C-alpha atoms as a PDB file:
ATOM      1  CA  MET A   1      75.114 160.623 -40.469  1.00  0.00           C
ATOM      2  CA  ALA A   2      77.780 163.619 -40.185  1.00  0.00           C
ATOM      3  CA  GLU A   3      80.625 161.194 -38.698  1.00  0.00           C
ATOM      4  CA  ILE A   4      80.734 158.504 -41.373  1.00  0.00           C
ATOM      5  CA  LEU A   5      80.493 161.334 -44.165  1.00  0.00           C
ATOM      6  CA  ASN A   6      83.174 163.091 -42.531  1.00  0.00           C
ATOM      7  CA  SER A   7      85.221 160.059 -42.478  1.00  0.00           C
ATOM      8  CA  ILE A   8      84.109 159.539 -46.570  1.00  0.00           C
ATOM      9  CA  GLN A   9      85.222 163.212 -47.545  1.00  0.00           C
ATOM     10  CA  GLN A  10      88.860 162.634 -45.352  1.00  0.00           C
ATOM     11  CA  ILE A  11      89.876 159.548 -47.082  1.00  0.00           C
ATOM     12  CA  THR A  12      88.791 161.406 -50.134  1.00  0.00           C
ATOM     13  CA  ALA A  13      90.497 164.619 -49.462  1.00  0.00           C
ATOM     14  CA  ASN A  14      93.683 162.822 -48.652  1.00  0.00           C
ATOM     15  CA  GLY A  15      93.784 160.261 -51.539  1.00  0.00           C
ATOM     16  CA  GLU A  16      93.489 157.237 -49.519  1.00  0.00           C
ATOM     17  CA  SER A  17      93.185 153.594 -50.744  1.00  0.00           C
ATOM     18  CA  GLY A  18      91.593 150.755 -48.610  1.00  0.00           C
ATOM     19  CA  ARG A  19      88.626 149.907 -47.031  1.00  0.00           C
ATOM     20  CA  LEU A  20      86.576 151.270 -44.560  1.00  0.00           C
ATOM     21  CA  GLU A  21      84.960 148.463 -42.676  1.00  0.00           C
ATOM     22  CA  ILE A  22      81.349 149.212 -40.862  1.00  0.00           C
ATOM     23  CA  LEU A  23      79.418 147.246 -38.135  1.00  0.00           C
ATOM     24  CA  ALA A  24      76.112 148.047 -36.438  1.00  0.00           C
ATOM     25  CA  GLY A  25      74.714 145.297 -34.639  1.00  0.00           C
ATOM     26  CA  ALA A  26      74.413 142.101 -36.563  1.00  0.00           C
ATOM     27  CA  ILE A  27      74.710 144.175 -40.205  1.00  0.00           C
ATOM     28  CA  GLN A  28      78.292 144.260 -41.885  1.00  0.00           C
ATOM     29  CA  GLY A  29      79.303 146.714 -44.295  1.00  0.00           C
ATOM     30  CA  GLU A  30      82.338 147.519 -46.498  1.00  0.00           C
ATOM     31  CA  LEU A  31      83.407 150.921 -48.487  1.00  0.00           C
ATOM     32  CA  SER A  32      86.269 150.492 -50.790  1.00  0.00           C
ATOM     33  CA  PHE A  33      88.784 153.370 -51.907  1.00  0.00           C
ATOM     34  CA  ALA A  34      91.249 153.521 -54.399  1.00  0.00           C
ATOM     35  CA  ASN A  35      93.236 157.024 -54.288  1.00  0.00           C
ATOM     36  CA  GLY A  36      90.493 158.758 -52.422  1.00  0.00           C
ATOM     37  CA  LYS A  37      87.586 157.701 -54.823  1.00  0.00           C
ATOM     38  CA  LEU A  38      84.786 155.041 -53.882  1.00  0.00           C
ATOM     39  CA  VAL A  39      85.257 151.992 -56.072  1.00  0.00           C
ATOM     40  CA  ASP A  40      82.704 149.612 -54.263  1.00  0.00           C
ATOM     41  CA  ALA A  41      80.007 149.848 -51.541  1.00  0.00           C
ATOM     42  CA  ARG A  42      78.512 146.865 -49.633  1.00  0.00           C
ATOM     43  CA  VAL A  43      76.180 146.498 -46.459  1.00  0.00           C
ATOM     44  CA  GLY A  44      74.378 143.274 -45.886  1.00  0.00           C
ATOM     45  CA  HIS A  45      72.582 142.551 -49.082  1.00  0.00           C
ATOM     46  CA  LEU A  46      73.044 145.984 -50.443  1.00  0.00           C
ATOM     47  CA  THR A  47      75.374 147.589 -53.464  1.00  0.00           C
ATOM     48  CA  GLY A  48      76.023 150.937 -54.397  1.00  0.00           C
ATOM     49  CA  PHE A  49      74.098 154.120 -53.798  1.00  0.00           C
ATOM     50  CA  PRO A  50      71.310 151.656 -51.387  1.00  0.00           C
ATOM     51  CA  ALA A  51      74.258 150.699 -49.525  1.00  0.00           C
ATOM     52  CA  ILE A  52      75.662 154.128 -49.064  1.00  0.00           C
ATOM     53  CA  ASN A  53      72.158 155.428 -48.258  1.00  0.00           C
ATOM     54  CA  ALA A  54      71.704 152.710 -45.346  1.00  0.00           C
ATOM     55  CA  VAL A  55      75.337 153.383 -43.955  1.00  0.00           C
ATOM     56  CA  VAL A  56      74.224 157.200 -43.829  1.00  0.00           C
ATOM     57  CA  ALA A  57      70.760 156.302 -41.776  1.00  0.00           C
ATOM     58  CA  MET A  58      72.419 153.918 -39.317  1.00  0.00           C
ATOM     59  CA  ARG A  59      72.893 154.789 -35.610  1.00  0.00           C
ATOM     60  CA  ASP A  60      75.283 153.582 -33.193  1.00  0.00           C
ATOM     61  CA  ALA A  61      77.407 152.189 -35.892  1.00  0.00           C
ATOM     62  CA  ARG A  62      81.078 151.215 -35.770  1.00  0.00           C
ATOM     63  CA  PHE A  63      83.700 151.797 -38.308  1.00  0.00           C
ATOM     64  CA  SER A  64      87.268 151.394 -39.099  1.00  0.00           C
ATOM     65  CA  PHE A  65      89.415 152.324 -41.908  1.00  0.00           C
ATOM     66  CA  ASP A  66      92.659 149.719 -42.833  1.00  0.00           C
ATOM     67  CA  PRO A  67      94.857 150.972 -45.680  1.00  0.00           C
ATOM     68  CA  THR A  68      96.119 147.534 -45.778  1.00  0.00           C
ATOM     69  CA  PHE A  69      93.082 145.775 -47.543  1.00  0.00           C
ATOM     70  CA  ALA A  70      93.029 146.403 -51.397  1.00  0.00           C
ATOM     71  CA  PRO A  71      89.986 147.805 -52.800  1.00  0.00           C
ATOM     72  CA  LEU A  72      88.013 144.844 -55.487  1.00  0.00           C
ATOM     73  CA  ALA A  73      88.998 145.003 -58.895  1.00  0.00           C
ATOM     74  CA  SER A  74      85.518 145.651 -59.695  1.00  0.00           C
ATOM     75  CA  SER A  75      82.872 148.065 -58.815  1.00  0.00           C
ATOM     76  CA  SER A  76      79.353 147.507 -57.951  1.00  0.00           C
ATOM     77  CA  ILE A  77      78.315 151.195 -58.391  1.00  0.00           C
ATOM     78  CA  THR A  78      76.642 152.012 -61.855  1.00  0.00           C
ATOM     79  CA  ALA A  79      77.341 154.826 -64.046  1.00  0.00           C
ATOM     80  CA  SER A  80      74.120 156.725 -62.632  1.00  0.00           C
ATOM     81  CA  GLU A  81      74.508 155.960 -59.431  1.00  0.00           C
ATOM     82  CA  ARG A  82      78.158 157.727 -59.739  1.00  0.00           C
ATOM     83  CA  VAL A  83      75.946 160.723 -61.180  1.00  0.00           C
ATOM     84  CA  VAL A  84      73.757 160.500 -57.756  1.00  0.00           C
ATOM     85  CA  LEU A  85      76.443 159.900 -55.066  1.00  0.00           C
ATOM     86  CA  LYS A  86      77.948 162.725 -56.416  1.00  0.00           C
ATOM     87  CA  GLN A  87      75.167 165.322 -56.085  1.00  0.00           C
ATOM     88  CA  PHE A  88      73.373 164.031 -53.208  1.00  0.00           C
ATOM     89  CA  PHE A  89      76.611 162.915 -50.767  1.00  0.00           C
ATOM     90  CA  GLY A  90      79.021 165.006 -52.753  1.00  0.00           C
ATOM     91  CA  ILE A  91      81.299 161.314 -52.808  1.00  0.00           C
ATOM     92  CA  GLU A  92      83.950 161.041 -55.574  1.00  0.00           C
ATOM     93  CA  THR A  93      83.763 157.356 -57.326  1.00  0.00           C
ATOM     94  CA  SER A  94      85.645 155.212 -59.712  1.00  0.00           C
ATOM     95  CA  SER A  95      84.633 152.498 -61.923  1.00  0.00           C
ATOM     96  CA  THR A  96      87.775 150.154 -61.085  1.00  0.00           C
ATOM     97  CA  ALA A  97      90.236 149.552 -58.674  1.00  0.00           C
ATOM     98  CA  GLU A  98      93.964 150.630 -59.406  1.00  0.00           C
ATOM     99  CA  TYR A  99      95.683 147.847 -57.764  1.00  0.00           C
ATOM    100  CA  LEU A 100      94.842 144.534 -55.682  1.00  0.00           C
ATOM    101  CA  GLY A 101      96.513 143.868 -52.645  1.00  0.00           C
ATOM    102  CA  PRO A 102      97.995 140.248 -51.438  1.00  0.00           C
ATOM    103  CA  VAL A 103      94.206 139.198 -49.627  1.00  0.00           C
ATOM    104  CA  ALA A 104      92.313 140.059 -52.413  1.00  0.00           C
ATOM    105  CA  ALA A 105      94.699 138.539 -54.633  1.00  0.00           C
ATOM    106  CA  GLU A 106      94.028 135.109 -52.722  1.00  0.00           C
ATOM    107  CA  VAL A 107      90.491 134.839 -52.121  1.00  0.00           C
ATOM    108  CA  THR A 108      87.669 135.925 -54.840  1.00  0.00           C
ATOM    109  CA  PRO A 109      85.443 138.492 -53.115  1.00  0.00           C
ATOM    110  CA  PRO A 110      81.811 137.279 -52.708  1.00  0.00           C
ATOM    111  CA  SER A 111      79.118 138.726 -55.386  1.00  0.00           C
ATOM    112  CA  ALA A 112      76.273 140.595 -53.388  1.00  0.00           C
ATOM    113  CA  SER A 113      73.031 139.937 -53.829  1.00  0.00           C
ATOM    114  CA  VAL A 114      70.743 142.619 -55.779  1.00  0.00           C
ATOM    115  CA  SER A 115      67.441 142.452 -55.956  1.00  0.00           C
ATOM    116  CA  ASP A 116      65.715 142.808 -59.639  1.00  0.00           C
ATOM    117  CA  ALA A 117      63.708 145.952 -57.842  1.00  0.00           C
ATOM    118  CA  ALA A 118      67.303 147.805 -57.880  1.00  0.00           C
ATOM    119  CA  ASP A 119      67.938 146.746 -61.415  1.00  0.00           C
ATOM    120  CA  GLU A 120      64.578 148.293 -62.321  1.00  0.00           C
ATOM    121  CA  ILE A 121      65.069 151.733 -60.838  1.00  0.00           C
ATOM    122  CA  THR A 122      68.911 151.808 -62.434  1.00  0.00           C
ATOM    123  CA  ILE A 123      67.158 151.367 -65.846  1.00  0.00           C
ATOM    124  CA  VAL A 124      64.821 154.165 -65.420  1.00  0.00           C
ATOM    125  CA  SER A 125      67.710 156.620 -64.354  1.00  0.00           C
ATOM    126  CA  SER A 126      70.382 155.242 -66.875  1.00  0.00           C
ATOM    127  CA  ASN A 127      69.586 158.103 -69.136  1.00  0.00           C
ATOM    128  CA  VAL A 128      71.550 159.892 -67.442  1.00  0.00           C
ATOM    129  CA  ALA A 129      74.615 158.822 -67.517  1.00  0.00           C
ATOM    130  CA  SER A 130      75.009 156.623 -71.273  1.00  0.00           C
ATOM    131  CA  PRO A 131      75.782 158.618 -74.023  1.00  0.00           C
ATOM    132  CA  GLU A 132      74.708 156.117 -76.821  1.00  0.00           C
ATOM    133  CA  ILE A 133      71.129 157.207 -75.140  1.00  0.00           C
ATOM    134  CA  PHE A 134      71.931 160.887 -75.606  1.00  0.00           C
ATOM    135  CA  ARG A 135      73.184 160.094 -79.250  1.00  0.00           C
ATOM    136  CA  SER A 136      69.733 157.923 -80.017  1.00  0.00           C
ATOM    137  CA  LEU A 137      67.651 160.930 -79.198  1.00  0.00           C
ATOM    138  CA  PRO A 138      67.034 163.930 -81.228  1.00  0.00           C
ATOM    139  CA  PRO A 139      66.714 167.010 -78.571  1.00  0.00           C
ATOM    140  CA  ARG A 140      69.624 167.030 -75.710  1.00  0.00           C
ATOM    141  CA  PRO A 141      68.228 167.298 -72.477  1.00  0.00           C
ATOM    142  CA  SER A 142      68.365 170.951 -70.454  1.00  0.00           C
ATOM    143  CA  ARG A 143      70.649 170.984 -67.641  1.00  0.00           C
ATOM    144  CA  PHE A 144      67.178 171.413 -65.552  1.00  0.00           C
ATOM    145  CA  SER A 145      65.830 168.123 -66.514  1.00  0.00           C
ATOM    146  CA  TYR A 146      69.215 166.474 -66.038  1.00  0.00           C
ATOM    147  CA  GLN A 147      69.227 167.754 -62.469  1.00  0.00           C
ATOM    148  CA  ARG A 148      65.271 167.124 -62.339  1.00  0.00           C
ATOM    149  CA  ALA A 149      65.864 163.354 -63.119  1.00  0.00           C
ATOM    150  CA  ALA A 150      68.689 162.695 -61.342  1.00  0.00           C
ATOM    151  CA  VAL A 151      67.273 164.034 -57.912  1.00  0.00           C
ATOM    152  CA  PHE A 152      63.762 162.183 -58.790  1.00  0.00           C
ATOM    153  CA  ALA A 153      66.217 158.645 -59.080  1.00  0.00           C
ATOM    154  CA  ALA A 154      67.925 159.708 -55.522  1.00  0.00           C
ATOM    155  CA  LEU A 155      64.731 159.639 -53.533  1.00  0.00           C
ATOM    156  CA  VAL A 156      63.097 156.561 -55.371  1.00  0.00           C
ATOM    157  CA  ILE A 157      66.470 154.656 -54.830  1.00  0.00           C
ATOM    158  CA  ALA A 158      66.568 156.067 -51.308  1.00  0.00           C
ATOM    159  CA  LEU A 159      63.079 155.178 -50.480  1.00  0.00           C
ATOM    160  CA  VAL A 160      63.914 151.674 -52.065  1.00  0.00           C
ATOM    161  CA  ALA A 161      67.165 151.312 -50.009  1.00  0.00           C
ATOM    162  CA  ALA A 162      65.205 152.502 -46.644  1.00  0.00           C
ATOM    163  CA  ALA A 163      62.708 149.792 -47.136  1.00  0.00           C
ATOM    164  CA  ALA A 164      65.231 147.353 -47.891  1.00  0.00           C
ATOM    165  CA  LEU A 165      67.186 147.854 -44.889  1.00  0.00           C
ATOM    166  CA  ILE A 166      64.259 147.877 -42.243  1.00  0.00           C
ATOM    167  CA  MET A 167      63.584 144.514 -43.619  1.00  0.00           C
ATOM    168  CA  TYR A 168      67.122 143.475 -43.540  1.00  0.00           C
ATOM    169  CA  LYS A 169      67.120 144.468 -40.190  1.00  0.00           C
ATOM    170  CA  PHE A 170      64.220 142.186 -38.864  1.00  0.00           C
ATOM    171  CA  ASN A 171      65.751 139.288 -40.671  1.00  0.00           C
ATOM    172  CA  SER A 172      63.364 139.371 -43.527  1.00  0.00           C
ATOM    173  CA  PRO A 173      64.924 139.381 -47.115  1.00  0.00           C
ATOM    174  CA  PRO A 174      63.750 141.862 -50.070  1.00  0.00           C
ATOM    175  CA  ALA A 175      61.351 140.891 -52.136  1.00  0.00           C
ATOM    176  CA  VAL A 176      62.221 139.293 -55.296  1.00  0.00           C
ATOM    177  CA  VAL A 177      60.406 140.855 -58.615  1.00  0.00           C
ATOM    178  CA  ALA A 178      60.286 137.601 -61.167  1.00  0.00           C
ATOM    179  CA  ARG A 179      60.538 138.568 -64.786  1.00  0.00           C
ATOM    180  CA  VAL A 180      57.803 136.692 -66.754  1.00  0.00           C
ATOM    181  CA  GLU A 181      58.608 136.525 -70.468  1.00  0.00           C
ATOM    182  CA  SER A 182      55.459 135.091 -71.755  1.00  0.00           C
ATOM    183  CA  PRO A 183      52.550 133.572 -69.674  1.00  0.00           C
ATOM    184  CA  SER A 184      53.217 130.112 -71.107  1.00  0.00           C
ATOM    185  CA  ARG A 185      56.633 129.992 -69.568  1.00  0.00           C
ATOM    186  CA  PRO A 186      56.648 130.278 -65.418  1.00  0.00           C
ATOM    187  CA  VAL A 187      59.820 131.149 -63.992  1.00  0.00           C
ATOM    188  CA  PRO A 188      61.587 128.472 -61.869  1.00  0.00           C
ATOM    189  CA  VAL A 189      61.659 129.083 -58.210  1.00  0.00           C
ATOM    190  CA  GLN A 190      65.070 128.669 -56.382  1.00  0.00           C
ATOM    191  CA  GLN A 191      65.526 127.285 -53.139  1.00  0.00           C
ATOM    192  CA  PRO A 192      67.943 128.884 -50.865  1.00  0.00           C
ATOM    193  CA  GLU A 193      71.107 127.096 -50.414  1.00  0.00           C
ATOM    194  CA  GLN A 194      70.964 125.541 -46.213  1.00  0.00           C
ATOM    195  CA  ALA A 195      74.450 127.294 -44.482  1.00  0.00           C
ATOM    196  CA  ARG A 196      76.862 125.253 -43.141  1.00  0.00           C
ATOM    197  CA  ASP A 197      76.346 124.624 -39.300  1.00  0.00           C
ATOM    198  CA  LEU A 198      79.256 126.146 -37.087  1.00  0.00           C
ATOM    199  CA  SER A 199      77.771 125.953 -33.982  1.00  0.00           C
ATOM    200  CA  GLY A 200      80.389 124.330 -31.281  1.00  0.00           C
ATOM    201  CA  LYS A 201      83.583 124.820 -30.244  1.00  0.00           C
ATOM    202  CA  TRP A 202      86.710 125.675 -32.477  1.00  0.00           C
ATOM    203  CA  THR A 203      90.764 125.795 -32.212  1.00  0.00           C
ATOM    204  CA  ILE A 204      92.087 128.545 -34.556  1.00  0.00           C
ATOM    205  CA  VAL A 205      95.839 129.065 -35.548  1.00  0.00           C
ATOM    206  CA  ASN A 206      97.030 131.837 -37.246  1.00  0.00           C
ATOM    207  CA  THR A 207     100.658 131.865 -38.727  1.00  0.00           C
ATOM    208  CA  VAL A 208     101.901 135.517 -39.417  1.00  0.00           C
ATOM    209  CA  GLU A 209     103.310 135.918 -43.049  1.00  0.00           C
ATOM    210  CA  THR A 210     103.905 139.868 -42.782  1.00  0.00           C
ATOM    211  CA  THR A 211     104.139 142.280 -39.640  1.00  0.00           C
ATOM    212  CA  SER A 212     105.561 145.864 -38.796  1.00  0.00           C
ATOM    213  CA  TYR A 213     107.109 144.016 -36.026  1.00  0.00           C
ATOM    214  CA  SER A 214     109.912 141.506 -36.767  1.00  0.00           C
ATOM    215  CA  THR A 215     109.526 139.748 -33.667  1.00  0.00           C
ATOM    216  CA  TYR A 216     105.962 138.610 -34.755  1.00  0.00           C
ATOM    217  CA  LYS A 217     107.615 137.208 -37.841  1.00  0.00           C
ATOM    218  CA  ASN A 218     106.466 133.854 -38.783  1.00  0.00           C
ATOM    219  CA  MET A 219     104.746 133.199 -35.245  1.00  0.00           C
ATOM    220  CA  LYS A 220     101.755 130.996 -34.976  1.00  0.00           C
ATOM    221  CA  ILE A 221      98.722 132.244 -32.155  1.00  0.00           C
ATOM    222  CA  GLY A 222      96.242 129.913 -31.336  1.00  0.00           C
ATOM    223  CA  PHE A 223      92.715 130.658 -30.052  1.00  0.00           C
ATOM    224  CA  ASP A 224      89.592 128.702 -28.572  1.00  0.00           C
ATOM    225  CA  LEU A 225      86.473 130.259 -29.740  1.00  0.00           C
ATOM    226  CA  SER A 226      82.975 129.279 -29.024  1.00  0.00           C
ATOM    227  CA  ILE A 227      80.707 130.021 -32.054  1.00  0.00           C
ATOM    228  CA  ASN A 228      76.623 130.134 -31.862  1.00  0.00           C
ATOM    229  CA  GLN A 229      74.913 130.539 -35.495  1.00  0.00           C
ATOM    230  CA  THR A 230      71.737 131.579 -36.305  1.00  0.00           C
ATOM    231  CA  GLY A 231      70.730 131.510 -40.059  1.00  0.00           C
ATOM    232  CA  THR A 232      73.706 132.871 -42.200  1.00  0.00           C
ATOM    233  CA  THR A 233      75.268 134.559 -39.060  1.00  0.00           C
ATOM    234  CA  PHE A 234      77.119 133.643 -36.347  1.00  0.00           C
ATOM    235  CA  THR A 235      78.974 135.179 -32.996  1.00  0.00           C
ATOM    236  CA  GLY A 236      81.664 133.614 -31.523  1.00  0.00           C
ATOM    237  CA  ASN A 237      83.387 134.320 -28.054  1.00  0.00           C
ATOM    238  CA  GLY A 238      87.042 133.070 -26.838  1.00  0.00           C
ATOM    239  CA  ASN A 239      90.456 133.774 -26.012  1.00  0.00           C
ATOM    240  CA  LYS A 240      93.838 133.742 -27.152  1.00  0.00           C
ATOM    241  CA  VAL A 241      95.545 130.407 -25.472  1.00  0.00           C
ATOM    242  CA  SER A 242      98.767 129.535 -27.090  1.00  0.00           C
ATOM    243  CA  GLU A 243     101.732 131.406 -28.857  1.00  0.00           C
ATOM    244  CA  ASN A 244     104.052 129.105 -31.100  1.00  0.00           C
ATOM    245  CA  GLY A 245     102.757 125.926 -29.448  1.00  0.00           C
ATOM    246  CA  ARG A 246     103.185 127.091 -25.844  1.00  0.00           C
ATOM    247  CA  SER A 247     100.061 127.347 -23.803  1.00  0.00           C
ATOM    248  CA  LEU A 248      99.632 130.476 -22.574  1.00  0.00           C
ATOM    249  CA  PRO A 249      99.197 131.194 -18.470  1.00  0.00           C
ATOM    250  CA  SER A 250      95.545 132.771 -17.533  1.00  0.00           C
ATOM    251  CA  GLY A 251      96.530 136.258 -16.770  1.00  0.00           C
ATOM    252  CA  SER A 252      97.823 136.335 -20.477  1.00  0.00           C
ATOM    253  CA  ARG A 253      94.680 134.756 -22.320  1.00  0.00           C
ATOM    254  CA  THR A 254      93.400 137.710 -23.860  1.00  0.00           C
ATOM    255  CA  PRO A 255      89.752 137.767 -24.640  1.00  0.00           C
ATOM    256  CA  ILE A 256      88.562 138.000 -28.782  1.00  0.00           C
ATOM    257  CA  GLN A 257      84.867 138.661 -30.200  1.00  0.00           C
ATOM    258  CA  VAL A 258      83.918 137.253 -33.481  1.00  0.00           C
ATOM    259  CA  LYS A 259      81.076 138.195 -35.571  1.00  0.00           C
ATOM    260  CA  GLY A 260      80.734 136.936 -39.296  1.00  0.00           C
ATOM    261  CA  SER A 261      78.474 135.454 -42.081  1.00  0.00           C
ATOM    262  CA  ILE A 262      78.491 132.259 -44.275  1.00  0.00           C
ATOM    263  CA  ASN A 263      77.588 132.719 -48.101  1.00  0.00           C
ATOM    264  CA  GLY A 264      77.864 129.115 -49.509  1.00  0.00           C
ATOM    265  CA  ASP A 265      81.381 127.704 -48.601  1.00  0.00           C
ATOM    266  CA  ARG A 266      82.833 130.993 -47.803  1.00  0.00           C
ATOM    267  CA  ILE A 267      82.992 132.542 -44.084  1.00  0.00           C
ATOM    268  CA  GLU A 268      83.957 136.287 -43.533  1.00  0.00           C
ATOM    269  CA  ALA A 269      84.386 137.416 -40.339  1.00  0.00           C
ATOM    270  CA  VAL A 270      85.295 140.736 -38.108  1.00  0.00           C
ATOM    271  CA  PHE A 271      87.102 140.072 -34.614  1.00  0.00           C
ATOM    272  CA  PHE A 272      87.809 142.425 -31.893  1.00  0.00           C
ATOM    273  CA  GLU A 273      90.679 141.484 -29.036  1.00  0.00           C
ATOM    274  CA  ASP A 274      91.666 143.069 -25.788  1.00  0.00           C
ATOM    275  CA  GLY A 275      95.130 142.655 -26.072  1.00  0.00           C
ATOM    276  CA  THR A 276      97.328 143.391 -22.818  1.00  0.00           C
ATOM    277  CA  ALA A 277      98.838 146.544 -24.269  1.00  0.00           C
ATOM    278  CA  ARG A 278      95.922 147.894 -26.439  1.00  0.00           C
ATOM    279  CA  LYS A 279      92.855 147.015 -28.491  1.00  0.00           C
ATOM    280  CA  SER A 280      93.212 145.578 -31.945  1.00  0.00           C
ATOM    281  CA  ASN A 281      90.744 144.387 -34.723  1.00  0.00           C
ATOM    282  CA  GLY A 282      90.952 142.481 -37.883  1.00  0.00           C
ATOM    283  CA  ARG A 283      89.220 140.079 -40.361  1.00  0.00           C
ATOM    284  CA  PHE A 284      89.164 136.295 -41.245  1.00  0.00           C
ATOM    285  CA  VAL A 285      87.959 134.654 -44.800  1.00  0.00           C
ATOM    286  CA  TRP A 286      88.064 131.238 -44.481  1.00  0.00           C
ATOM    287  CA  ARG A 287      86.651 128.402 -46.939  1.00  0.00           C
ATOM    288  CA  ILE A 288      85.010 125.297 -45.227  1.00  0.00           C
ATOM    289  CA  ASP A 289      86.249 121.890 -46.214  1.00  0.00           C
ATOM    290  CA  LYS A 290      83.695 119.034 -47.336  1.00  0.00           C
ATOM    291  CA  ALA A 291      83.471 117.481 -44.373  1.00  0.00           C
ATOM    292  CA  GLY A 292      82.444 120.604 -42.629  1.00  0.00           C
ATOM    293  CA  ARG A 293      84.716 120.055 -39.675  1.00  0.00           C
ATOM    294  CA  GLY A 294      88.004 122.230 -41.064  1.00  0.00           C
ATOM    295  CA  LEU A 295      88.363 126.165 -42.331  1.00  0.00           C
ATOM    296  CA  THR A 296      91.575 127.671 -44.040  1.00  0.00           C
ATOM    297  CA  GLY A 297      91.763 131.137 -45.378  1.00  0.00           C
ATOM    298  CA  ASN A 298      93.709 134.453 -44.221  1.00  0.00           C
ATOM    299  CA  PHE A 299      93.469 136.661 -41.292  1.00  0.00           C
ATOM    300  CA  ALA A 300      94.504 140.412 -41.225  1.00  0.00           C
ATOM    301  CA  THR A 301      94.682 142.420 -37.805  1.00  0.00           C
ATOM    302  CA  THR A 302      95.572 145.830 -36.908  1.00  0.00           C
ATOM    303  CA  ALA A 303      98.072 144.346 -34.236  1.00  0.00           C
ATOM    304  CA  ALA A 304     101.555 145.447 -35.729  1.00  0.00           C
ATOM    305  CA  ARG A 305      99.703 145.344 -39.085  1.00  0.00           C
ATOM    306  CA  SER A 306     100.244 141.694 -39.116  1.00  0.00           C
ATOM    307  CA  ARG A 307      98.255 139.207 -42.138  1.00  0.00           C
ATOM    308  CA  GLY A 308      98.996 135.477 -42.821  1.00  0.00           C
ATOM    309  CA  ARG A 309      97.323 131.853 -42.915  1.00  0.00           C
ATOM    310  CA  SER A 310      94.326 130.893 -40.751  1.00  0.00           C
ATOM    311  CA  ALA A 311      93.523 127.388 -40.184  1.00  0.00           C
ATOM    312  CA  ALA A 312      90.312 126.334 -37.819  1.00  0.00           C
ATOM    313  CA  THR A 313      89.374 122.848 -36.448  1.00  0.00           C
ATOM    314  CA  ARG A 314      86.167 121.884 -34.701  1.00  0.00           C
ATOM    315  CA  GLU A 315      86.311 119.915 -31.666  1.00  0.00           C
ATOM    316  CA  LEU A 316      84.652 116.598 -31.362  1.00  0.00           C
END
């Protein structure tokens, strides 16, 4: 808990912009910052304060900060959650990001799935942060009442976040609270979209477009990857096998591990590569073609701060 909060406080103190990526088992998350202020928080299906609360409760989590990733243009953190995050964890927040990076401009970030239960809690605590509500009430609440309401909202949100995290870790989605407007008007039940099956062998080619090491400019790096999918998540293991179409000798084929998730035709994954000189990590963002046999998108890696296009084809 102290380590992740120390990292957030360091980013805030330095006024940094970028993305703090979190990985704990099959659970992935990311915290976006702009000029030292938290813009967006997403962990699995959680957003806003429940996401931060889940990150703090995680054990044995790995996280890394990458200033090359631009934060999202919009925030999932509500006005009341900003008050609670400031009072509960001392985290400064911002409603919008101040810039968009190259990758964020090319691919639209996925929308987070938030249960109706979280919306109901947000409504209960919204009287803390909404000026319009204050103007509509005759008496102005005292500072003591304001703090009690904020602490109460924080405790309720924390309990909901903890319950949602436990259900997520056991692969059980959070309960959906259906709103019924009238007895004669039932709410239709939407069937979840079945994820494309990516299990099998794939060939990936990354084309470096920007890098801090000029020798890597326009280099095409090839990987062989074997993917094993379970539900909407998958893992992959493979090796780097080629550079600019030239096959690498067995001693130069460094291993790579991939963990990701599927949301419709969009795929997001993080990877870890054991290079010959040092370890590096990065991220893939792909789209699945209609036939389900090809992936196209972007990649970014800490190795020479490289990024560019990425394409993958399934072996028949």
